[in-house]
């Protein structure tokens, strides 16, 4: 790979957003070629050092796809599955579906701070910094009937923040990619939801919730787009 290409890739990885025109509109062929060039570069470098930068690049370029998928996730059952989870949470407080689940979650310290600050109202959310360490650490969480509603509210809030941060997908005029700092925030919310996937899966697989999802799905109609 030529030195010019290496410089270009470093530019993509480290200065990818605010210095690139917001009206840049990359087609699939261009995006694919850029991605392959970066992967080729990272194979020769330390991929771990640039992993987060690469995530930022991919999500900034792929924001339309992510927006459409989130739109489908929050409308397929008429509302977000997390809202349906809230509707049926009383069924998970007592009886055969009562929640008592322990999960070990691997996430950066900042992400754990956000989770604890919301689920445990006694934890302070002070001095949070997006530049804090991104090295994942493991924390064990205990989901019970006593804190279940806090967990549901946290999932709803995280999803809402993610959707608000993503530009609305439009065709005319075409929607623009998010700025650099917003992309970092988007990736952070995705990492949190991904890290909590075992908890989300456990809650949504409860019999009472599956019944509600099944009933809601009966009224779903495919989008016209």
Foldseek 3Di string as FASTA:
>chain_A
DDPVLVVVLVCCLPVNFPVDDQPDQDDPVRVVVSLVSNVVVCVVPPCVVRVLSSLLSVCLNCLLVVLVVLVCCQPLLDGHLLVLLVVQLVVCQDDPNPFWDKDKFWWDPLLVLLLCVQLPVVRDDPDRDLPPDGHIDIDMDTDGSVRPVSVSVSLVVLSVLLNVLRWNQDVVVGTTGGGSVSSSSNVSSVSSCVRCVVVVVSSCPRPSNVVSSVVSNVPGDDDPD
